[in-house]
Amino acid sequence: MNESFDLERLWHLLRAIDQAGSINGAARLVKGSYRHAWEVLRRAEEALGMALVQRQTGGEGGGGSRLTPGAREWLARHARLRQEADRCLRGAAEAPAQGDLLVIATTICPVDVGLLGRLEAAFAARTGIVARHIAAGSGQALELARRGYADLVLAHAPAAERSFVAEGWGTARHPVMENDFVLVGPPGDPARVVDAPSLPAGLRRVARRGAPFVSRGDRSGTHLAEAGFWRQAGVRPDPRWHLSFGGDGQGSASALRHASAAGAYTLVDRATWRTLRGEVRLAVVREGDRALRNTFSLIPTSPERHAHVNGAAARRFVGWLAGPEGSRVIASFGVPEYGEPLFRLV
């Protein structure tokens, strides 16, 4: 799976397809070639795990094309991310009047469960640095940093993170905490995943039965992990039962509710599962496999790529979080409500 296609290029191409009604016409609007437009779409559909255009044959010129519902939902979600990024950048411009500002592009789970807000408040109280976050899937969070919209990334997509650093966009990858993924399914576990000898074997049972499976479909860390598990199982998911949800900007919490309503299986991080399991009609059918480990890392954006980023504040947040005060916040988070922390230190 390609994890580093250009989100902005895809954004402009999809909008052009919607306007022109064909890939050939869209290529002219974005001042590119027909072949290049097809390559952008192919790579994006592979990475997102869903169809983006419905094509009508019409010869080499491309015929007619229209956006799928999933593509329209992706466009709407990306528009919200752009608006949020612009809001944070406006805040950054005002920083001299209100004190130092740190912009964090973050995966959604730590925001949903409340941990990032707790960390930001404690960090501000200690240092006076105000942190604002843009919540997105890990892939989109990394892309926002590539665009210079964030000083720091919090993500849980190790392969994509390593590529981000290797390409020079980030200074270093700092693992800070972890939990694990769990595979959950409908009452009765119709695919009998719970009896499978391994996670890949369980997924093969889902595929053989054609049991509905809700995928995030958004290049988040959860989606990238799920795609890797399907590859390990030797299964190419079939859209007839593999439902690429795409989400509504609310991450695994929204996907989990969707899976419950659809009587489907899905992959979710344990922190989200613990906070929502009382609201959904699903049960854990697979857990504890080594492959399900879920590591969250901080990556400062490289000032060599974007001179305006607040590298000093990013480094200070990384150091503070690894120190005793930040570690205490992580180690205690969730204990009063659930009897144990939602995340473990690494």
C-alpha atoms as a PDB file:
ATOM      1  CA  MET A   1       0.000   0.000   0.000  1.00  0.00           C
ATOM      2  CA  ASN A   2       1.296   3.450  -0.888  1.00  0.00           C
ATOM      3  CA  GLU A   3       1.090   5.598   2.221  1.00  0.00           C
ATOM      4  CA  SER A   4       2.481   8.890   0.904  1.00  0.00           C
ATOM      5  CA  PHE A   5       0.346  10.068  -2.020  1.00  0.00           C
ATOM      6  CA  ASP A   6      -0.243  13.811  -2.203  1.00  0.00           C
ATOM      7  CA  LEU A   7      -3.498  14.685  -0.459  1.00  0.00           C
ATOM      8  CA  GLU A   8      -3.617  18.205  -1.890  1.00  0.00           C
ATOM      9  CA  ARG A   9      -3.125  16.924  -5.432  1.00  0.00           C
ATOM     10  CA  LEU A  10      -5.913  14.394  -4.899  1.00  0.00           C
ATOM     11  CA  TRP A  11      -8.150  17.124  -3.445  1.00  0.00           C
ATOM     12  CA  HIS A  12      -7.745  19.316  -6.541  1.00  0.00           C
ATOM     13  CA  LEU A  13      -8.138  16.380  -8.953  1.00  0.00           C
ATOM     14  CA  LEU A  14     -11.374  15.126  -7.380  1.00  0.00           C
ATOM     15  CA  ARG A  15     -12.857  18.599  -7.384  1.00  0.00           C
ATOM     16  CA  ALA A  16     -11.880  18.925 -11.058  1.00  0.00           C
ATOM     17  CA  ILE A  17     -13.508  15.572 -11.912  1.00  0.00           C
ATOM     18  CA  ASP A  18     -16.679  16.730 -10.194  1.00  0.00           C
ATOM     19  CA  GLN A  19     -16.605  19.938 -12.234  1.00  0.00           C
ATOM     20  CA  ALA A  20     -15.590  18.476 -15.611  1.00  0.00           C
ATOM     21  CA  GLY A  21     -17.475  15.179 -15.466  1.00  0.00           C
ATOM     22  CA  SER A  22     -14.515  13.232 -16.816  1.00  0.00           C
ATOM     23  CA  ILE A  23     -10.944  12.366 -15.926  1.00  0.00           C
ATOM     24  CA  ASN A  24      -9.671  13.754 -19.219  1.00  0.00           C
ATOM     25  CA  GLY A  25     -11.410  17.074 -18.624  1.00  0.00           C
ATOM     26  CA  ALA A  26     -10.197  17.158 -15.031  1.00  0.00           C
ATOM     27  CA  ALA A  27      -6.603  16.608 -16.153  1.00  0.00           C
ATOM     28  CA  ARG A  28      -6.865  19.708 -18.356  1.00  0.00           C
ATOM     29  CA  LEU A  29      -8.293  21.751 -15.464  1.00  0.00           C
ATOM     30  CA  VAL A  30      -5.406  20.851 -13.134  1.00  0.00           C
ATOM     31  CA  LYS A  31      -2.920  21.330 -16.001  1.00  0.00           C
ATOM     32  CA  GLY A  32      -1.731  17.747 -15.976  1.00  0.00           C
ATOM     33  CA  SER A  33      -1.801  14.721 -18.234  1.00  0.00           C
ATOM     34  CA  TYR A  34      -4.540  12.116 -18.465  1.00  0.00           C
ATOM     35  CA  ARG A  35      -2.012   9.399 -17.595  1.00  0.00           C
ATOM     36  CA  HIS A  36      -0.865  11.265 -14.492  1.00  0.00           C
ATOM     37  CA  ALA A  37      -4.456  11.794 -13.326  1.00  0.00           C
ATOM     38  CA  TRP A  38      -5.104   8.058 -13.645  1.00  0.00           C
ATOM     39  CA  GLU A  39      -1.951   7.313 -11.636  1.00  0.00           C
ATOM     40  CA  VAL A  40      -2.994   9.701  -8.852  1.00  0.00           C
ATOM     41  CA  LEU A  41      -6.401   8.001  -8.677  1.00  0.00           C
ATOM     42  CA  ARG A  42      -4.938   4.493  -8.746  1.00  0.00           C
ATOM     43  CA  ARG A  43      -2.517   5.183  -5.918  1.00  0.00           C
ATOM     44  CA  ALA A  44      -5.151   6.977  -3.847  1.00  0.00           C
ATOM     45  CA  GLU A  45      -7.755   4.215  -4.268  1.00  0.00           C
ATOM     46  CA  GLU A  46      -5.159   1.622  -3.254  1.00  0.00           C
ATOM     47  CA  ALA A  47      -4.162   3.588  -0.160  1.00  0.00           C
ATOM     48  CA  LEU A  48      -7.703   4.500   0.888  1.00  0.00           C
ATOM     49  CA  GLY A  49      -9.132   1.064   0.118  1.00  0.00           C
ATOM     50  CA  MET A  50     -12.158   2.399  -1.725  1.00  0.00           C
ATOM     51  CA  ALA A  51     -13.277   3.488  -5.182  1.00  0.00           C
ATOM     52  CA  LEU A  52     -13.170   7.245  -5.770  1.00  0.00           C
ATOM     53  CA  VAL A  53     -14.723   7.528  -9.236  1.00  0.00           C
ATOM     54  CA  GLN A  54     -17.389   5.671 -11.147  1.00  0.00           C
ATOM     55  CA  ARG A  55     -16.117   5.382 -14.696  1.00  0.00           C
ATOM     56  CA  GLN A  56     -17.985   5.063 -17.975  1.00  0.00           C
ATOM     57  CA  THR A  57     -16.115   3.640 -20.948  1.00  0.00           C
ATOM     58  CA  GLY A  58     -15.412   6.102 -23.685  1.00  0.00           C
ATOM     59  CA  GLY A  59     -12.147   5.244 -25.339  1.00  0.00           C
ATOM     60  CA  GLU A  60      -8.699   6.537 -24.548  1.00  0.00           C
ATOM     61  CA  GLY A  61     -10.064  10.005 -23.851  1.00  0.00           C
ATOM     62  CA  GLY A  62     -11.598   8.707 -20.664  1.00  0.00           C
ATOM     63  CA  GLY A  63     -15.350   8.856 -21.229  1.00  0.00           C
ATOM     64  CA  GLY A  64     -17.440  10.170 -18.369  1.00  0.00           C
ATOM     65  CA  SER A  65     -16.631   9.863 -14.676  1.00  0.00           C
ATOM     66  CA  ARG A  66     -18.345  10.902 -11.495  1.00  0.00           C
ATOM     67  CA  LEU A  67     -17.330  10.835  -7.846  1.00  0.00           C
ATOM     68  CA  THR A  68     -18.440   7.976  -5.616  1.00  0.00           C
ATOM     69  CA  PRO A  69     -20.222   8.758  -2.333  1.00  0.00           C
ATOM     70  CA  GLY A  70     -17.002   7.814  -0.536  1.00  0.00           C
ATOM     71  CA  ALA A  71     -15.033  10.351  -2.574  1.00  0.00           C
ATOM     72  CA  ARG A  72     -17.541  13.088  -1.773  1.00  0.00           C
ATOM     73  CA  GLU A  73     -17.315  12.244   1.918  1.00  0.00           C
ATOM     74  CA  TRP A  74     -13.504  12.319   1.723  1.00  0.00           C
ATOM     75  CA  LEU A  75     -13.634  15.751   0.055  1.00  0.00           C
ATOM     76  CA  ALA A  76     -15.903  17.078   2.807  1.00  0.00           C
ATOM     77  CA  ARG A  77     -13.645  15.698   5.535  1.00  0.00           C
ATOM     78  CA  HIS A  78     -10.519  17.105   3.897  1.00  0.00           C
ATOM     79  CA  ALA A  79     -12.220  20.499   3.592  1.00  0.00           C
ATOM     80  CA  ARG A  80     -12.851  20.457   7.338  1.00  0.00           C
ATOM     81  CA  LEU A  81      -9.187  19.622   7.960  1.00  0.00           C
ATOM     82  CA  ARG A  82      -8.089  22.524   5.760  1.00  0.00           C
ATOM     83  CA  GLN A  83     -10.369  24.877   7.676  1.00  0.00           C
ATOM     84  CA  GLU A  84      -9.027  23.633  10.999  1.00  0.00           C
ATOM     85  CA  ALA A  85      -5.454  23.973   9.790  1.00  0.00           C
ATOM     86  CA  ASP A  86      -6.139  27.530   8.634  1.00  0.00           C
ATOM     87  CA  ARG A  87      -7.595  28.307  12.068  1.00  0.00           C
ATOM     88  CA  CYS A  88      -4.446  27.043  13.761  1.00  0.00           C
ATOM     89  CA  LEU A  89      -2.227  28.993  11.373  1.00  0.00           C
ATOM     90  CA  ARG A  90      -4.170  32.172  12.137  1.00  0.00           C
ATOM     91  CA  GLY A  91      -3.592  31.416  15.809  1.00  0.00           C
ATOM     92  CA  ALA A  92       0.105  30.983  15.133  1.00  0.00           C
ATOM     93  CA  ALA A  93       0.233  34.409  13.510  1.00  0.00           C
ATOM     94  CA  GLU A  94      -1.255  35.881  16.702  1.00  0.00           C
ATOM     95  CA  ALA A  95       1.146  33.998  18.985  1.00  0.00           C
ATOM     96  CA  PRO A  96       3.427  36.958  19.832  1.00  0.00           C
ATOM     97  CA  ALA A  97       0.454  38.724  21.427  1.00  0.00           C
ATOM     98  CA  GLN A  98      -0.709  35.741  23.437  1.00  0.00           C
ATOM     99  CA  GLY A  99       2.480  33.836  24.227  1.00  0.00           C
ATOM    100  CA  ASP A 100       4.192  30.871  22.569  1.00  0.00           C
ATOM    101  CA  LEU A 101       2.010  28.529  20.504  1.00  0.00           C
ATOM    102  CA  LEU A 102       2.526  24.880  19.545  1.00  0.00           C
ATOM    103  CA  VAL A 103       0.390  23.333  16.759  1.00  0.00           C
ATOM    104  CA  ILE A 104       0.034  19.538  16.964  1.00  0.00           C
ATOM    105  CA  ALA A 105      -1.354  17.431  14.112  1.00  0.00           C
ATOM    106  CA  THR A 106      -2.646  14.359  15.909  1.00  0.00           C
ATOM    107  CA  THR A 107      -4.346  11.062  15.413  1.00  0.00           C
ATOM    108  CA  ILE A 108      -7.913  11.150  16.684  1.00  0.00           C
ATOM    109  CA  CYS A 109      -7.941   8.600  19.515  1.00  0.00           C
ATOM    110  CA  PRO A 110      -5.984  10.641  22.121  1.00  0.00           C
ATOM    111  CA  VAL A 111      -8.341  13.546  21.413  1.00  0.00           C
ATOM    112  CA  ASP A 112     -11.523  11.461  21.561  1.00  0.00           C
ATOM    113  CA  VAL A 113     -10.707   9.876  24.915  1.00  0.00           C
ATOM    114  CA  GLY A 114      -9.524  13.172  26.433  1.00  0.00           C
ATOM    115  CA  LEU A 115      -5.836  12.430  26.962  1.00  0.00           C
ATOM    116  CA  LEU A 116      -4.407  15.065  24.627  1.00  0.00           C
ATOM    117  CA  GLY A 117      -6.480  17.815  26.215  1.00  0.00           C
ATOM    118  CA  ARG A 118      -5.169  16.764  29.624  1.00  0.00           C
ATOM    119  CA  LEU A 119      -1.589  16.804  28.350  1.00  0.00           C
ATOM    120  CA  GLU A 120      -1.976  20.175  26.644  1.00  0.00           C
ATOM    121  CA  ALA A 121      -3.380  21.756  29.814  1.00  0.00           C
ATOM    122  CA  ALA A 122      -0.607  20.350  32.017  1.00  0.00           C
ATOM    123  CA  PHE A 123       2.066  21.404  29.524  1.00  0.00           C
ATOM    124  CA  ALA A 124       0.684  24.949  29.331  1.00  0.00           C
ATOM    125  CA  ALA A 125       0.542  25.187  33.123  1.00  0.00           C
ATOM    126  CA  ARG A 126       4.195  24.149  33.378  1.00  0.00           C
ATOM    127  CA  THR A 127       5.678  26.069  30.440  1.00  0.00           C
ATOM    128  CA  GLY A 128       3.242  28.798  29.394  1.00  0.00           C
ATOM    129  CA  ILE A 129       3.206  27.351  25.866  1.00  0.00           C
ATOM    130  CA  VAL A 130      -0.320  27.060  24.471  1.00  0.00           C
ATOM    131  CA  ALA A 131      -0.864  23.877  22.419  1.00  0.00           C
ATOM    132  CA  ARG A 132      -3.599  23.596  19.804  1.00  0.00           C
ATOM    133  CA  HIS A 133      -4.309  20.406  17.926  1.00  0.00           C
ATOM    134  CA  ILE A 134      -5.683  19.419  14.525  1.00  0.00           C
ATOM    135  CA  ALA A 135      -7.331  16.004  14.874  1.00  0.00           C
ATOM    136  CA  ALA A 136      -6.990  13.739  11.832  1.00  0.00           C
ATOM    137  CA  GLY A 137      -6.051  10.211  10.883  1.00  0.00           C
ATOM    138  CA  SER A 138      -2.320   9.552  11.191  1.00  0.00           C
ATOM    139  CA  GLY A 139      -1.790   9.705   7.428  1.00  0.00           C
ATOM    140  CA  GLN A 140      -3.513  13.057   7.207  1.00  0.00           C
ATOM    141  CA  ALA A 141      -1.700  14.354  10.301  1.00  0.00           C
ATOM    142  CA  LEU A 142       1.631  13.550   8.657  1.00  0.00           C
ATOM    143  CA  GLU A 143       0.475  15.216   5.450  1.00  0.00           C
ATOM    144  CA  LEU A 144      -0.516  18.365   7.342  1.00  0.00           C
ATOM    145  CA  ALA A 145       3.013  18.518   8.758  1.00  0.00           C
ATOM    146  CA  ARG A 146       4.437  18.014   5.258  1.00  0.00           C
ATOM    147  CA  ARG A 147       2.452  21.098   4.262  1.00  0.00           C
ATOM    148  CA  GLY A 148       3.892  23.082   7.157  1.00  0.00           C
ATOM    149  CA  TYR A 149       0.584  23.264   9.017  1.00  0.00           C
ATOM    150  CA  ALA A 150       1.918  21.711  12.239  1.00  0.00           C
ATOM    151  CA  ASP A 151       4.977  21.957  14.461  1.00  0.00           C
ATOM    152  CA  LEU A 152       4.591  18.443  15.853  1.00  0.00           C
ATOM    153  CA  VAL A 153       2.845  15.199  14.881  1.00  0.00           C
ATOM    154  CA  LEU A 154       1.338  12.571  17.198  1.00  0.00           C
ATOM    155  CA  ALA A 155       0.675   9.441  15.147  1.00  0.00           C
ATOM    156  CA  HIS A 156       0.364   5.650  15.384  1.00  0.00           C
ATOM    157  CA  ALA A 157       1.400   4.501  11.905  1.00  0.00           C
ATOM    158  CA  PRO A 158       5.020   3.318  12.352  1.00  0.00           C
ATOM    159  CA  ALA A 159       5.828   2.599   8.684  1.00  0.00           C
ATOM    160  CA  ALA A 160       4.432   5.941   7.511  1.00  0.00           C
ATOM    161  CA  GLU A 161       6.228   7.720  10.370  1.00  0.00           C
ATOM    162  CA  ARG A 162       9.576   6.179   9.435  1.00  0.00           C
ATOM    163  CA  SER A 163       9.086   7.254   5.818  1.00  0.00           C
ATOM    164  CA  PHE A 164       8.182  10.765   6.990  1.00  0.00           C
ATOM    165  CA  VAL A 165      11.456  11.039   8.925  1.00  0.00           C
ATOM    166  CA  ALA A 166      13.555   9.320   6.235  1.00  0.00           C
ATOM    167  CA  GLU A 167      12.250  11.798   3.639  1.00  0.00           C
ATOM    168  CA  GLY A 168      13.399  14.673   5.855  1.00  0.00           C
ATOM    169  CA  TRP A 169       9.997  16.019   6.897  1.00  0.00           C
ATOM    170  CA  GLY A 170      10.474  15.137  10.572  1.00  0.00           C
ATOM    171  CA  THR A 171      13.541  15.426  12.785  1.00  0.00           C
ATOM    172  CA  ALA A 172      13.118  12.134  14.670  1.00  0.00           C
ATOM    173  CA  ARG A 173      10.485   9.646  15.786  1.00  0.00           C
ATOM    174  CA  HIS A 174       9.906   9.496  19.580  1.00  0.00           C
ATOM    175  CA  PRO A 175       7.686   6.590  20.760  1.00  0.00           C
ATOM    176  CA  VAL A 176       5.895   7.792  23.895  1.00  0.00           C
ATOM    177  CA  MET A 177       3.019   5.422  24.705  1.00  0.00           C
ATOM    178  CA  GLU A 178       1.128   2.393  23.507  1.00  0.00           C
ATOM    179  CA  ASN A 179      -2.009   0.340  23.866  1.00  0.00           C
ATOM    180  CA  ASP A 180      -3.254  -2.367  21.517  1.00  0.00           C
ATOM    181  CA  PHE A 181      -5.848  -3.009  18.864  1.00  0.00           C
ATOM    182  CA  VAL A 182      -8.762  -5.374  19.369  1.00  0.00           C
ATOM    183  CA  LEU A 183     -10.939  -7.015  16.749  1.00  0.00           C
ATOM    184  CA  VAL A 184     -14.601  -6.733  17.696  1.00  0.00           C
ATOM    185  CA  GLY A 185     -17.651  -8.305  16.141  1.00  0.00           C
ATOM    186  CA  PRO A 186     -21.423  -8.770  16.431  1.00  0.00           C
ATOM    187  CA  PRO A 187     -23.118 -10.927  19.081  1.00  0.00           C
ATOM    188  CA  GLY A 188     -22.704 -14.611  18.336  1.00  0.00           C
ATOM    189  CA  ASP A 189     -19.534 -14.036  16.285  1.00  0.00           C
ATOM    190  CA  PRO A 190     -21.016 -15.526  13.069  1.00  0.00           C
ATOM    191  CA  ALA A 191     -17.575 -15.971  11.429  1.00  0.00           C
ATOM    192  CA  ARG A 192     -16.260 -17.822  14.533  1.00  0.00           C
ATOM    193  CA  VAL A 193     -13.213 -15.577  14.732  1.00  0.00           C
ATOM    194  CA  VAL A 194     -12.862 -16.241  18.450  1.00  0.00           C
ATOM    195  CA  ASP A 195     -11.982 -19.903  17.747  1.00  0.00           C
ATOM    196  CA  ALA A 196      -9.401 -19.131  15.066  1.00  0.00           C
ATOM    197  CA  PRO A 197      -5.786 -20.100  15.850  1.00  0.00           C
ATOM    198  CA  SER A 198      -4.422 -16.706  14.806  1.00  0.00           C
ATOM    199  CA  LEU A 199      -5.469 -13.217  13.732  1.00  0.00           C
ATOM    200  CA  PRO A 200      -4.838 -13.930  10.008  1.00  0.00           C
ATOM    201  CA  ALA A 201      -6.875 -17.125  10.296  1.00  0.00           C
ATOM    202  CA  GLY A 202      -9.706 -15.181  11.905  1.00  0.00           C
ATOM    203  CA  LEU A 203      -9.725 -12.627   9.109  1.00  0.00           C
ATOM    204  CA  ARG A 204      -9.785 -15.401   6.527  1.00  0.00           C
ATOM    205  CA  ARG A 205     -12.915 -16.737   8.247  1.00  0.00           C
ATOM    206  CA  VAL A 206     -14.531 -13.302   7.938  1.00  0.00           C
ATOM    207  CA  ALA A 207     -13.674 -13.231   4.232  1.00  0.00           C
ATOM    208  CA  ARG A 208     -14.889 -16.770   3.517  1.00  0.00           C
ATOM    209  CA  ARG A 209     -18.220 -16.057   5.167  1.00  0.00           C
ATOM    210  CA  GLY A 210     -18.529 -12.629   3.556  1.00  0.00           C
ATOM    211  CA  ALA A 211     -19.333 -11.203   6.978  1.00  0.00           C
ATOM    212  CA  PRO A 212     -19.614  -7.407   6.981  1.00  0.00           C
ATOM    213  CA  PHE A 213     -16.442  -5.633   8.116  1.00  0.00           C
ATOM    214  CA  VAL A 214     -16.296  -1.875   8.671  1.00  0.00           C
ATOM    215  CA  SER A 215     -12.978  -0.292   7.700  1.00  0.00           C
ATOM    216  CA  ARG A 216     -11.912   3.250   8.590  1.00  0.00           C
ATOM    217  CA  GLY A 217     -10.807   3.697   4.970  1.00  0.00           C
ATOM    218  CA  ASP A 218      -9.054   6.997   5.727  1.00  0.00           C
ATOM    219  CA  ARG A 219      -5.289   6.278   5.901  1.00  0.00           C
ATOM    220  CA  SER A 220      -5.446   6.565   9.688  1.00  0.00           C
ATOM    221  CA  GLY A 221      -3.090   4.447  11.789  1.00  0.00           C
ATOM    222  CA  THR A 222      -5.970   2.068  12.441  1.00  0.00           C
ATOM    223  CA  HIS A 223      -6.749   1.767   8.727  1.00  0.00           C
ATOM    224  CA  LEU A 224      -3.093   1.178   7.800  1.00  0.00           C
ATOM    225  CA  ALA A 225      -2.788  -1.496  10.493  1.00  0.00           C
ATOM    226  CA  GLU A 226      -5.972  -3.193   9.303  1.00  0.00           C
ATOM    227  CA  ALA A 227      -4.756  -3.200   5.693  1.00  0.00           C
ATOM    228  CA  GLY A 228      -1.530  -4.840   6.839  1.00  0.00           C
ATOM    229  CA  PHE A 229      -3.466  -7.553   8.668  1.00  0.00           C
ATOM    230  CA  TRP A 230      -5.461  -8.357   5.511  1.00  0.00           C
ATOM    231  CA  ARG A 231      -2.198  -8.670   3.576  1.00  0.00           C
ATOM    232  CA  GLN A 232      -0.821 -11.031   6.227  1.00  0.00           C
ATOM    233  CA  ALA A 233      -4.003 -13.089   5.886  1.00  0.00           C
ATOM    234  CA  GLY A 234      -3.558 -13.259   2.114  1.00  0.00           C
ATOM    235  CA  VAL A 235      -6.980 -11.689   1.589  1.00  0.00           C
ATOM    236  CA  ARG A 236      -7.946  -8.925  -0.795  1.00  0.00           C
ATOM    237  CA  PRO A 237     -11.076  -7.447   0.814  1.00  0.00           C
ATOM    238  CA  ASP A 238     -14.197  -7.552  -1.331  1.00  0.00           C
ATOM    239  CA  PRO A 239     -16.271  -4.327  -1.303  1.00  0.00           C
ATOM    240  CA  ARG A 240     -19.420  -6.448  -1.135  1.00  0.00           C
ATOM    241  CA  TRP A 241     -18.635  -7.161   2.536  1.00  0.00           C
ATOM    242  CA  HIS A 242     -15.664  -4.872   3.296  1.00  0.00           C
ATOM    243  CA  LEU A 243     -17.387  -1.576   4.001  1.00  0.00           C
ATOM    244  CA  SER A 244     -14.985   1.331   3.587  1.00  0.00           C
ATOM    245  CA  PHE A 245     -16.599   3.729   6.004  1.00  0.00           C
ATOM    246  CA  GLY A 246     -14.316   6.709   5.438  1.00  0.00           C
ATOM    247  CA  GLY A 247     -15.691   8.240   8.618  1.00  0.00           C
ATOM    248  CA  ASP A 248     -17.049  11.688   9.315  1.00  0.00           C
ATOM    249  CA  GLY A 249     -13.952  13.168  10.864  1.00  0.00           C
ATOM    250  CA  GLN A 250     -14.658  11.456  14.218  1.00  0.00           C
ATOM    251  CA  GLY A 251     -12.333   8.485  13.818  1.00  0.00           C
ATOM    252  CA  SER A 252     -12.701   5.079  15.414  1.00  0.00           C
ATOM    253  CA  ALA A 253     -15.534   6.132  17.715  1.00  0.00           C
ATOM    254  CA  SER A 254     -17.768   6.858  14.747  1.00  0.00           C
ATOM    255  CA  ALA A 255     -16.627   3.724  12.887  1.00  0.00           C
ATOM    256  CA  LEU A 256     -17.328   1.609  15.973  1.00  0.00           C
ATOM    257  CA  ARG A 257     -20.883   2.910  16.208  1.00  0.00           C
ATOM    258  CA  HIS A 258     -21.332   2.294  12.494  1.00  0.00           C
ATOM    259  CA  ALA A 259     -20.127  -1.312  12.876  1.00  0.00           C
ATOM    260  CA  SER A 260     -22.544  -1.852  15.737  1.00  0.00           C
ATOM    261  CA  ALA A 261     -25.470  -0.584  13.683  1.00  0.00           C
ATOM    262  CA  ALA A 262     -24.436  -2.763  10.724  1.00  0.00           C
ATOM    263  CA  GLY A 263     -23.767  -5.911  12.776  1.00  0.00           C
ATOM    264  CA  ALA A 264     -20.201  -5.873  11.442  1.00  0.00           C
ATOM    265  CA  TYR A 265     -16.681  -6.662  12.541  1.00  0.00           C
ATOM    266  CA  THR A 266     -14.131  -3.865  12.902  1.00  0.00           C
ATOM    267  CA  LEU A 267     -10.674  -3.080  14.261  1.00  0.00           C
ATOM    268  CA  VAL A 268     -10.431  -0.519  17.041  1.00  0.00           C
ATOM    269  CA  ASP A 269      -7.822   0.626  19.549  1.00  0.00           C
ATOM    270  CA  ARG A 270      -8.454  -0.527  23.094  1.00  0.00           C
ATOM    271  CA  ALA A 271      -8.756   2.974  24.554  1.00  0.00           C
ATOM    272  CA  THR A 272     -11.644   3.811  22.228  1.00  0.00           C
ATOM    273  CA  TRP A 273     -13.187   0.398  22.885  1.00  0.00           C
ATOM    274  CA  ARG A 274     -13.063   0.846  26.664  1.00  0.00           C
ATOM    275  CA  THR A 275     -14.713   4.246  26.514  1.00  0.00           C
ATOM    276  CA  LEU A 276     -17.538   3.149  24.179  1.00  0.00           C
ATOM    277  CA  ARG A 277     -18.155  -0.560  24.745  1.00  0.00           C
ATOM    278  CA  GLY A 278     -21.223   0.168  26.857  1.00  0.00           C
ATOM    279  CA  GLU A 279     -22.823   2.005  23.919  1.00  0.00           C
ATOM    280  CA  VAL A 280     -22.425  -0.638  21.193  1.00  0.00           C
ATOM    281  CA  ARG A 281     -23.661  -4.175  20.552  1.00  0.00           C
ATOM    282  CA  LEU A 282     -20.258  -5.680  19.840  1.00  0.00           C
ATOM    283  CA  ALA A 283     -17.808  -7.941  21.657  1.00  0.00           C
ATOM    284  CA  VAL A 284     -14.061  -8.571  21.481  1.00  0.00           C
ATOM    285  CA  VAL A 285     -13.360 -11.607  19.290  1.00  0.00           C
ATOM    286  CA  ARG A 286      -9.566 -11.286  19.001  1.00  0.00           C
ATOM    287  CA  GLU A 287      -6.988  -9.667  21.268  1.00  0.00           C
ATOM    288  CA  GLY A 288      -3.518 -10.191  22.677  1.00  0.00           C
ATOM    289  CA  ASP A 289      -1.660 -11.004  19.440  1.00  0.00           C
ATOM    290  CA  ARG A 290       1.784  -9.406  19.299  1.00  0.00           C
ATOM    291  CA  ALA A 291       0.900  -7.859  15.944  1.00  0.00           C
ATOM    292  CA  LEU A 292      -1.928  -5.896  17.607  1.00  0.00           C
ATOM    293  CA  ARG A 293       0.483  -3.696  19.548  1.00  0.00           C
ATOM    294  CA  ASN A 294      -0.323  -0.034  18.885  1.00  0.00           C
ATOM    295  CA  THR A 295       2.470   2.497  19.438  1.00  0.00           C
ATOM    296  CA  PHE A 296       1.992   6.289  19.466  1.00  0.00           C
ATOM    297  CA  SER A 297       4.960   8.500  18.583  1.00  0.00           C
ATOM    298  CA  LEU A 298       5.782  12.202  18.512  1.00  0.00           C
ATOM    299  CA  ILE A 299       7.643  13.636  15.512  1.00  0.00           C
ATOM    300  CA  PRO A 300       8.734  17.297  15.369  1.00  0.00           C
ATOM    301  CA  THR A 301       8.408  18.846  11.901  1.00  0.00           C
ATOM    302  CA  SER A 302      11.794  19.639  10.395  1.00  0.00           C
ATOM    303  CA  PRO A 303      12.677  23.371  10.424  1.00  0.00           C
ATOM    304  CA  GLU A 304      14.877  22.643   7.395  1.00  0.00           C
ATOM    305  CA  ARG A 305      11.696  21.953   5.386  1.00  0.00           C
ATOM    306  CA  HIS A 306       9.544  24.649   6.998  1.00  0.00           C
ATOM    307  CA  ALA A 307      11.508  27.465   8.604  1.00  0.00           C
ATOM    308  CA  HIS A 308       8.413  28.912  10.298  1.00  0.00           C
ATOM    309  CA  VAL A 309       7.686  25.878  12.520  1.00  0.00           C
ATOM    310  CA  ASN A 310       8.081  26.262  16.268  1.00  0.00           C
ATOM    311  CA  GLY A 311      10.844  23.711  16.644  1.00  0.00           C
ATOM    312  CA  ALA A 312      11.800  24.870  20.127  1.00  0.00           C
ATOM    313  CA  ALA A 313       8.259  24.357  21.479  1.00  0.00           C
ATOM    314  CA  ALA A 314       8.005  20.965  19.750  1.00  0.00           C
ATOM    315  CA  ARG A 315      11.268  19.776  21.307  1.00  0.00           C
ATOM    316  CA  ARG A 316      10.175  21.064  24.691  1.00  0.00           C
ATOM    317  CA  PHE A 317       6.870  19.157  24.476  1.00  0.00           C
ATOM    318  CA  VAL A 318       8.687  15.949  23.536  1.00  0.00           C
ATOM    319  CA  GLY A 319      11.079  16.347  26.468  1.00  0.00           C
ATOM    320  CA  TRP A 320       8.303  17.246  28.897  1.00  0.00           C
ATOM    321  CA  LEU A 321       6.164  14.286  27.854  1.00  0.00           C
ATOM    322  CA  ALA A 322       9.101  11.887  28.312  1.00  0.00           C
ATOM    323  CA  GLY A 323       9.858  13.376  31.719  1.00  0.00           C
ATOM    324  CA  PRO A 324       8.240  12.596  35.079  1.00  0.00           C
ATOM    325  CA  GLU A 325       5.345  15.067  34.829  1.00  0.00           C
ATOM    326  CA  GLY A 326       4.158  14.083  31.367  1.00  0.00           C
ATOM    327  CA  SER A 327       4.694  10.397  32.139  1.00  0.00           C
ATOM    328  CA  ARG A 328       2.502  10.678  35.241  1.00  0.00           C
ATOM    329  CA  VAL A 329      -0.353  12.113  33.188  1.00  0.00           C
ATOM    330  CA  ILE A 330      -0.189   9.203  30.738  1.00  0.00           C
ATOM    331  CA  ALA A 331       0.277   6.514  33.395  1.00  0.00           C
ATOM    332  CA  SER A 332      -2.721   7.696  35.432  1.00  0.00           C
ATOM    333  CA  PHE A 333      -5.109   8.564  32.617  1.00  0.00           C
ATOM    334  CA  GLY A 334      -8.228   6.402  32.744  1.00  0.00           C
ATOM    335  CA  VAL A 335      -7.476   4.747  36.101  1.00  0.00           C
ATOM    336  CA  PRO A 336     -10.317   6.406  38.065  1.00  0.00           C
ATOM    337  CA  GLU A 337     -12.898   5.504  35.403  1.00  0.00           C
ATOM    338  CA  TYR A 338     -11.691   2.082  34.222  1.00  0.00           C
ATOM    339  CA  GLY A 339      -9.456   0.763  36.996  1.00  0.00           C
ATOM    340  CA  GLU A 340      -6.377   0.788  34.748  1.00  0.00           C
ATOM    341  CA  PRO A 341      -4.670   3.272  32.406  1.00  0.00           C
ATOM    342  CA  LEU A 342      -5.836   3.570  28.800  1.00  0.00           C
ATOM    343  CA  PHE A 343      -2.224   3.858  27.622  1.00  0.00           C
ATOM    344  CA  ARG A 344       1.113   2.402  28.725  1.00  0.00           C
ATOM    345  CA  LEU A 345       4.431   4.220  28.713  1.00  0.00           C
ATOM    346  CA  VAL A 346       7.129   2.976  26.310  1.00  0.00           C
END
